[in-house]
Protein backbone atom coordinates (compact mmCIF):
# COMPACT_ATOMS: atom_id res chain seq x y z
CA MET A 1 -19.40 38.96 -11.00
CA HIS A 2 -20.22 41.73 -8.44
CA GLU A 3 -18.18 43.02 -6.04
CA ARG A 4 -19.18 44.00 -2.66
CA ARG A 5 -16.87 46.27 -0.49
CA THR A 6 -18.93 46.34 3.06
CA GLY A 7 -21.59 44.47 4.92
CA ALA A 8 -21.63 40.95 6.34
CA CYS A 9 -24.43 38.27 6.42
CA PRO A 10 -25.54 36.55 9.84
CA ALA A 11 -25.07 33.28 9.71
CA ALA A 12 -27.83 30.75 10.71
CA SER A 13 -26.18 27.57 10.01
CA VAL A 14 -22.53 27.33 9.13
CA ASP A 15 -20.45 24.31 7.71
CA SER A 16 -16.76 24.78 7.94
CA ALA A 17 -13.60 22.92 6.84
CA ALA A 18 -9.89 23.38 6.63
CA VAL A 19 -8.98 22.98 2.93
CA ASP A 20 -5.46 22.23 1.86
CA GLY A 21 -3.97 22.73 5.08
CA SER A 22 -3.97 26.47 4.61
CA VAL A 23 -7.32 27.81 3.53
CA SER A 24 -10.74 27.38 5.74
CA VAL A 25 -14.00 27.64 3.74
CA GLN A 26 -16.96 28.54 6.12
CA ARG A 27 -20.57 28.40 4.64
CA HIS A 28 -23.44 30.81 5.91
CA ARG A 29 -26.66 30.62 5.13
CA PRO A 30 -28.58 32.90 6.68
CA HIS A 31 -31.57 32.91 4.14
CA GLN A 32 -32.72 29.98 2.19
CA ASP A 33 -31.45 31.25 -0.83
CA LEU A 34 -28.55 33.48 0.29
CA VAL A 35 -24.91 31.59 0.92
CA LEU A 36 -22.00 33.34 2.48
CA VAL A 37 -18.84 31.58 1.57
CA GLN A 38 -15.74 32.76 3.50
CA VAL A 39 -12.38 31.83 2.14
CA ARG A 40 -9.40 32.23 3.96
CA GLY A 41 -5.81 31.54 3.05
CA ASP A 42 -3.32 30.48 0.32
CA VAL A 43 -5.90 29.17 -2.76
CA GLY A 44 -3.30 27.66 -4.85
CA ASP A 45 -4.12 24.59 -7.05
CA ALA A 46 -4.86 21.86 -4.69
CA ALA A 47 -7.17 24.05 -2.36
CA GLY A 48 -9.16 25.08 -5.57
CA ALA A 49 -9.68 21.87 -6.37
CA ASP A 50 -11.49 21.42 -2.94
CA LEU A 51 -13.00 24.93 -3.16
CA ALA A 52 -14.44 23.84 -6.48
CA ARG A 53 -15.92 21.28 -4.95
CA ARG A 54 -17.55 23.17 -2.00
CA LEU A 55 -18.89 26.01 -4.43
CA THR A 56 -20.37 23.55 -6.82
CA ALA A 57 -22.64 21.76 -3.88
CA VAL A 58 -24.46 25.96 -3.79
CA ALA A 59 -23.64 26.19 -7.53
CA THR A 60 -25.55 23.88 -9.49
CA PRO A 61 -27.43 24.17 -12.25
CA GLY A 62 -30.86 24.83 -11.58
CA THR A 63 -30.02 26.27 -8.52
CA ASP A 64 -31.01 30.01 -7.99
CA ALA A 65 -28.88 30.76 -4.99
CA GLN A 66 -27.61 33.78 -4.03
CA VAL A 67 -23.77 33.51 -3.40
CA VAL A 68 -21.50 35.57 -1.37
CA LEU A 69 -18.04 35.02 -1.67
CA ASP A 70 -15.55 36.65 0.86
CA LEU A 71 -12.15 36.99 -0.14
CA ALA A 72 -10.76 39.09 2.73
CA GLY A 73 -8.63 36.54 4.00
CA VAL A 74 -7.26 35.31 0.75
CA THR A 75 -3.56 35.72 1.14
CA ALA A 76 -2.69 34.10 -2.28
CA LEU A 77 -5.04 33.16 -5.57
CA SER A 78 -3.71 31.06 -8.45
CA ARG A 79 -5.13 31.30 -11.71
CA ALA A 80 -6.93 28.00 -10.95
CA GLY A 81 -8.50 29.37 -7.76
CA LEU A 82 -9.63 32.44 -9.61
CA ASP A 83 -11.20 29.50 -12.73
CA VAL A 84 -12.81 27.79 -9.95
CA ILE A 85 -14.86 30.89 -8.99
CA LEU A 86 -15.59 32.16 -12.58
CA ARG A 87 -16.99 28.62 -13.45
CA ALA A 88 -19.13 28.83 -9.72
CA GLN A 89 -20.09 32.26 -11.17
CA GLU A 90 -21.37 30.93 -14.81
CA SER A 91 -23.08 27.83 -13.11
CA LEU A 92 -25.32 30.09 -10.70
CA GLU A 93 -26.15 32.35 -13.51
CA ALA A 94 -27.36 29.62 -15.69
CA GLY A 95 -29.41 28.83 -12.73
CA GLY A 96 -30.83 32.34 -12.19
CA GLY A 97 -28.40 32.39 -9.24
CA SER A 98 -25.41 35.43 -8.66
CA LEU A 99 -22.03 35.42 -7.27
CA GLU A 100 -20.78 38.62 -5.45
CA LEU A 101 -17.34 39.18 -4.14
CA LEU A 102 -16.93 40.34 -1.05
CA GLU A 103 -14.06 42.30 0.27
CA PRO A 104 -11.61 40.82 -2.39
CA SER A 105 -8.25 41.10 -0.53
CA PRO A 106 -5.03 42.71 -2.58
CA PRO A 107 -3.95 39.40 -4.13
CA VAL A 108 -7.39 38.74 -5.68
CA LEU A 109 -7.67 42.12 -6.79
CA LEU A 110 -4.44 41.79 -8.76
CA LEU A 111 -5.39 38.79 -10.29
CA LEU A 112 -8.66 40.10 -11.54
CA HIS A 113 -7.16 43.02 -12.86
CA ASP A 114 -4.23 40.69 -14.55
CA ALA A 115 -7.18 38.72 -15.64
CA ALA A 116 -8.90 41.70 -17.26
CA VAL A 117 -5.74 43.19 -19.18
CA ALA A 118 -5.37 39.64 -20.66
CA GLN A 119 -8.92 39.70 -21.71
CA ASP A 120 -8.67 43.28 -23.42
CA GLU A 121 -5.44 42.45 -25.32
CA ALA A 122 -6.64 39.01 -26.38
CA PRO A 123 -7.42 38.75 -30.18
CA PRO A 124 -11.30 38.96 -30.85
């Protein structure tokens, strides 16, 4: 998973929806193969399920989409939400695509760090 700290994609078309009343997901398609997904709010277990559905729509196997996941506005991220992101990454990479994180917020960075530490400590 790649992480971007700067830049934004201009939107050619936008699909937006509120998720679980606290998360907003916007999909921008500035180019045919580039999708910017903006996530805002608390991505808990319930919101993670809707995020999974939306990411699955752009991260289907065989799709070589380049997905940029803007997490700057995420105020909280559960382990289930992180698992959704990791599954989307695996699916995209299997189809020749990629997933990049754009401006992960401090709560996202903390969970990514904790997950990396746990993976390093896991027995081989």
